[in-house]
Amino acid sequence: MEIGNRFKQYRIASGLTQEDVSLKAGVSLLTVNKFENGSDIKLSTLIKLLDSINIHADIDNIIPDVLDR
């Protein structure tokens, strides 16, 4: 499953609209929509989107802190 689709499922399960996410993340509604539909986005935008739905802590699973080794 594509990351945008996973994000969409998590957003919906969290009771958030695309507009809610765009406002929290400080990105356009079009950016959220395009991402959820499979378009590529910048890493910095992805982090903002993850933060907007409170799963930013999970980024440590993707990119562990080098000091935790």
C-alpha atoms as a PDB file:
ATOM      1  CA  MET A   1       0.000   0.000   0.000  1.00  0.00           C
ATOM      2  CA  GLU A   2       1.253   3.444  -0.898  1.00  0.00           C
ATOM      3  CA  ILE A   3       2.215   5.858   1.881  1.00  0.00           C
ATOM      4  CA  GLY A   4      -0.332   8.463   0.757  1.00  0.00           C
ATOM      5  CA  ASN A   5      -3.135   5.944   1.039  1.00  0.00           C
ATOM      6  CA  ARG A   6      -1.945   4.831   4.473  1.00  0.00           C
ATOM      7  CA  PHE A   7      -1.854   8.464   5.534  1.00  0.00           C
ATOM      8  CA  LYS A   8      -5.413   8.956   4.278  1.00  0.00           C
ATOM      9  CA  GLN A   9      -6.671   5.931   6.224  1.00  0.00           C
ATOM     10  CA  TYR A  10      -4.996   7.158   9.398  1.00  0.00           C
ATOM     11  CA  ARG A  11      -6.344  10.689   8.882  1.00  0.00           C
ATOM     12  CA  ILE A  12      -9.891   9.413   8.447  1.00  0.00           C
ATOM     13  CA  ALA A  13      -9.587   7.098  11.468  1.00  0.00           C
ATOM     14  CA  SER A  14      -8.427  10.127  13.465  1.00  0.00           C
ATOM     15  CA  GLY A  15     -11.574  12.035  12.476  1.00  0.00           C
ATOM     16  CA  LEU A  16      -9.678  14.703  10.557  1.00  0.00           C
ATOM     17  CA  THR A  17     -10.557  16.230   7.219  1.00  0.00           C
ATOM     18  CA  GLN A  18      -8.030  17.140   4.553  1.00  0.00           C
ATOM     19  CA  GLU A  19      -8.703  20.767   5.444  1.00  0.00           C
ATOM     20  CA  ASP A  20      -7.935  20.092   9.127  1.00  0.00           C
ATOM     21  CA  VAL A  21      -4.628  18.517   8.151  1.00  0.00           C
ATOM     22  CA  SER A  22      -3.708  21.284   5.727  1.00  0.00           C
ATOM     23  CA  LEU A  23      -4.307  23.939   8.385  1.00  0.00           C
ATOM     24  CA  LYS A  24      -2.378  22.046  11.076  1.00  0.00           C
ATOM     25  CA  ALA A  25       0.527  21.264   8.742  1.00  0.00           C
ATOM     26  CA  GLY A  26       0.655  24.686   7.114  1.00  0.00           C
ATOM     27  CA  VAL A  27       0.365  23.261   3.602  1.00  0.00           C
ATOM     28  CA  SER A  28      -2.260  23.719   0.945  1.00  0.00           C
ATOM     29  CA  LEU A  29      -5.357  21.570   0.711  1.00  0.00           C
ATOM     30  CA  LEU A  30      -4.218  20.659  -2.790  1.00  0.00           C
ATOM     31  CA  THR A  31      -0.927  19.309  -1.393  1.00  0.00           C
ATOM     32  CA  VAL A  32      -2.775  17.022   1.039  1.00  0.00           C
ATOM     33  CA  ASN A  33      -5.115  15.843  -1.703  1.00  0.00           C
ATOM     34  CA  LYS A  34      -2.327  15.153  -4.175  1.00  0.00           C
ATOM     35  CA  PHE A  35      -0.266  13.297  -1.557  1.00  0.00           C
ATOM     36  CA  GLU A  36      -3.188  11.074  -0.584  1.00  0.00           C
ATOM     37  CA  ASN A  37      -3.722  10.309  -4.256  1.00  0.00           C
ATOM     38  CA  GLY A  38      -0.159   9.208  -4.911  1.00  0.00           C
ATOM     39  CA  SER A  39       1.802  12.318  -5.839  1.00  0.00           C
ATOM     40  CA  ASP A  40       5.343  12.746  -4.565  1.00  0.00           C
ATOM     41  CA  ILE A  41       6.058  15.389  -1.929  1.00  0.00           C
ATOM     42  CA  LYS A  42       9.169  16.800  -0.283  1.00  0.00           C
ATOM     43  CA  LEU A  43      10.450  15.129   2.861  1.00  0.00           C
ATOM     44  CA  SER A  44       9.914  18.348   4.811  1.00  0.00           C
ATOM     45  CA  THR A  45       6.257  18.359   3.754  1.00  0.00           C
ATOM     46  CA  LEU A  46       5.866  14.711   4.738  1.00  0.00           C
ATOM     47  CA  ILE A  47       7.186  15.482   8.208  1.00  0.00           C
ATOM     48  CA  LYS A  48       4.714  18.372   8.556  1.00  0.00           C
ATOM     49  CA  LEU A  49       1.873  16.086   7.500  1.00  0.00           C
ATOM     50  CA  LEU A  50       2.922  13.333   9.918  1.00  0.00           C
ATOM     51  CA  ASP A  51       3.140  15.891  12.698  1.00  0.00           C
ATOM     52  CA  SER A  52      -0.357  17.170  11.877  1.00  0.00           C
ATOM     53  CA  ILE A  53      -1.890  13.759  12.615  1.00  0.00           C
ATOM     54  CA  ASN A  54       0.359  13.075  15.606  1.00  0.00           C
ATOM     55  CA  ILE A  55       2.417  10.252  14.142  1.00  0.00           C
ATOM     56  CA  HIS A  56       5.647  12.218  13.933  1.00  0.00           C
ATOM     57  CA  ALA A  57       7.119  10.080  16.716  1.00  0.00           C
ATOM     58  CA  ASP A  58       6.963   7.116  14.343  1.00  0.00           C
ATOM     59  CA  ILE A  59       9.613   8.793  12.200  1.00  0.00           C
ATOM     60  CA  ASP A  60      12.132   7.248  14.613  1.00  0.00           C
ATOM     61  CA  ASN A  61      11.216   3.857  13.167  1.00  0.00           C
ATOM     62  CA  ILE A  62      12.179   5.091   9.719  1.00  0.00           C
ATOM     63  CA  ILE A  63      15.209   7.184  10.658  1.00  0.00           C
ATOM     64  CA  PRO A  64      16.517   6.181  14.094  1.00  0.00           C
ATOM     65  CA  ASP A  65      18.429   8.670  16.200  1.00  0.00           C
ATOM     66  CA  VAL A  66      22.113   7.866  15.855  1.00  0.00           C
ATOM     67  CA  LEU A  67      22.616   8.565  19.570  1.00  0.00           C
ATOM     68  CA  ASP A  68      20.224   5.708  20.487  1.00  0.00           C
ATOM     69  CA  ARG A  69      22.534   3.067  19.031  1.00  0.00           C
END
